[in-house]
Protein backbone atom coordinates (compact mmCIF):
# COMPACT_ATOMS: atom_id res chain seq x y z
CA MET A 1 259.47 197.55 87.55
CA VAL A 2 261.30 195.27 89.98
CA ALA A 3 258.22 193.02 90.28
CA VAL A 4 258.07 192.51 86.50
CA PHE A 5 261.79 191.69 86.37
CA PHE A 6 261.43 189.27 89.28
CA LYS A 7 258.52 187.45 87.58
CA LEU A 8 260.48 187.10 84.35
CA PHE A 9 263.53 185.91 86.28
CA LEU A 10 261.49 183.21 88.05
CA PHE A 11 259.96 182.09 84.76
CA ALA A 12 263.38 181.90 83.08
CA ALA A 13 264.80 179.99 86.06
CA ALA A 14 261.93 177.49 85.90
CA VAL A 15 262.44 176.94 82.17
CA ILE A 16 266.19 176.45 82.61
CA ALA A 17 265.60 174.03 85.50
CA PHE A 18 263.12 172.03 83.40
CA ILE A 19 265.56 171.80 80.48
CA PHE A 20 268.37 170.70 82.81
CA VAL A 21 266.22 167.96 84.38
CA MET A 22 265.16 166.68 80.95
CA TYR A 23 268.81 166.61 79.84
CA ALA A 24 269.95 164.87 83.04
CA PHE A 25 267.27 162.16 82.78
CA SER A 26 267.98 161.51 79.11
CA SER A 27 271.75 161.28 79.54
CA ILE A 28 271.80 158.71 82.37
CA GLU A 29 272.27 155.17 81.07
CA PRO A 30 269.82 152.63 82.52
CA THR A 31 271.29 149.68 84.36
CA ASP A 32 270.62 146.07 83.42
CA VAL A 33 268.39 144.34 85.96
CA GLU A 34 267.63 140.64 86.10
CA HIS A 35 264.13 139.41 86.91
CA HIS A 36 263.50 135.89 88.22
CA ILE A 37 260.09 134.22 88.38
CA THR A 38 259.97 131.56 91.09
CA LYS A 39 257.22 129.52 92.73
CA ASN A 40 257.30 132.05 95.62
CA GLY A 41 257.07 135.23 93.55
CA ILE A 42 259.12 137.57 91.38
CA LYS A 43 262.60 138.70 92.32
CA THR A 44 263.78 141.88 90.63
CA ASP A 45 266.93 143.83 91.43
CA GLY A 46 267.42 141.79 94.61
CA VAL A 47 263.91 142.50 95.96
CA MET A 48 261.43 139.65 96.31
CA TYR A 49 257.75 140.29 95.62
CA VAL A 50 255.72 137.30 96.80
CA TRP A 51 252.58 136.32 94.90
CA GLU A 52 250.38 137.51 97.79
CA GLU A 53 251.70 141.08 97.21
CA LEU A 54 250.82 140.97 93.51
CA GLN A 55 247.23 141.48 92.37
CA SER A 56 247.33 141.18 88.57
CA CYS A 57 249.46 141.94 85.53
CA TYR A 58 249.28 143.13 81.94
CA PHE A 59 251.66 143.65 79.06
CA SER A 60 252.34 146.97 77.37
CA ARG A 61 254.91 148.62 75.13
CA VAL A 62 257.15 151.52 76.12
CA TYR A 63 259.15 153.08 73.28
CA GLY A 64 258.47 149.95 71.25
CA GLN A 65 259.85 147.59 73.91
CA PRO A 66 257.63 145.00 75.66
CA VAL A 67 257.05 145.59 79.38
CA LEU A 68 255.41 143.43 82.05
CA ASN A 69 253.32 145.62 84.36
CA LEU A 70 252.52 144.18 87.79
CA ILE A 71 249.78 145.67 89.99
CA THR A 72 250.67 145.25 93.67
CA VAL A 73 248.69 145.33 96.89
CA GLY A 74 251.66 145.50 99.24
CA PRO A 75 253.03 148.51 101.09
CA ARG A 76 255.92 149.22 98.69
CA PHE A 77 254.68 150.26 95.25
CA THR A 78 251.35 150.17 93.46
CA LYS A 79 252.80 149.20 90.07
CA LEU A 80 256.02 147.57 88.91
CA ASP A 81 257.17 147.90 85.30
CA LEU A 82 259.59 145.16 84.24
CA PRO A 83 261.17 145.55 80.77
CA LEU A 84 261.26 142.18 79.03
CA GLY A 85 264.27 142.75 76.80
CA GLU A 86 264.72 139.68 74.60
CA MET A 87 262.16 137.53 76.48
CA ASP A 88 259.26 136.22 74.41
CA GLU A 89 256.06 137.95 75.49
CA ASP A 90 253.76 135.01 74.69
CA GLU A 91 255.93 132.57 76.64
CA LEU A 92 255.95 134.88 79.66
CA ARG A 93 252.18 135.39 79.38
CA ASN A 94 251.66 131.61 79.61
CA ILE A 95 253.88 131.46 82.70
CA MET A 96 252.19 134.42 84.40
CA GLU A 97 248.69 133.00 83.81
CA ASP A 98 249.58 130.21 86.23
CA TYR A 99 250.17 132.71 89.05
CA LEU A 100 248.24 135.95 88.38
CA PRO A 101 245.24 137.17 86.40
CA VAL A 102 246.47 138.66 83.12
CA HIS A 103 244.30 141.40 81.63
CA GLN A 104 244.48 143.96 78.83
CA ALA A 105 246.47 147.15 79.29
CA PRO A 106 244.29 150.06 80.43
CA ALA A 107 243.70 152.98 78.09
CA PRO A 108 246.30 155.74 78.57
CA THR A 109 245.21 158.62 80.78
CA LEU A 110 245.43 162.27 79.81
CA ALA A 111 248.62 162.66 81.87
CA GLU A 112 250.23 159.67 80.14
CA ARG A 113 249.32 160.97 76.70
CA ALA A 114 250.71 164.40 77.63
CA SER A 115 253.97 162.91 78.91
CA VAL A 116 254.42 160.92 75.67
CA PHE A 117 253.78 164.09 73.66
CA LEU A 118 256.32 166.06 75.70
CA ALA A 119 258.89 163.26 75.48
CA ARG A 120 258.61 163.32 71.68
CA LEU A 121 258.72 167.11 71.62
CA PHE A 122 261.83 167.42 73.81
CA ALA A 123 263.72 164.29 72.71
CA PHE A 124 267.46 164.70 73.37
CA GLU A 125 268.53 161.84 71.09
């Protein structure tokens, strides 16, 4: 009897924790970050990524907003996602072609499709 109650308690605690995390992530306002493209690399949020650390890039859309995705080879991250905001995607594509290979966005994986489904299912807006 105690074991059954304990299992249900753990399940309920996990569900409540998941709901709290979803609420916390959806209620935090994102900060505005400036990105600068220079002849040495890309500077974003005060961190400089030199061209030698960047392998390639592609453009995608996240929640209808254009995003520049950079694939890195350095020790920090493997992928950087830079929201474009009001920047023209075609103009940026022409600039980026001078520095990095630009290719098509890869097909979404099963995990990415599942996360989009869950984000639509549990939208807190």
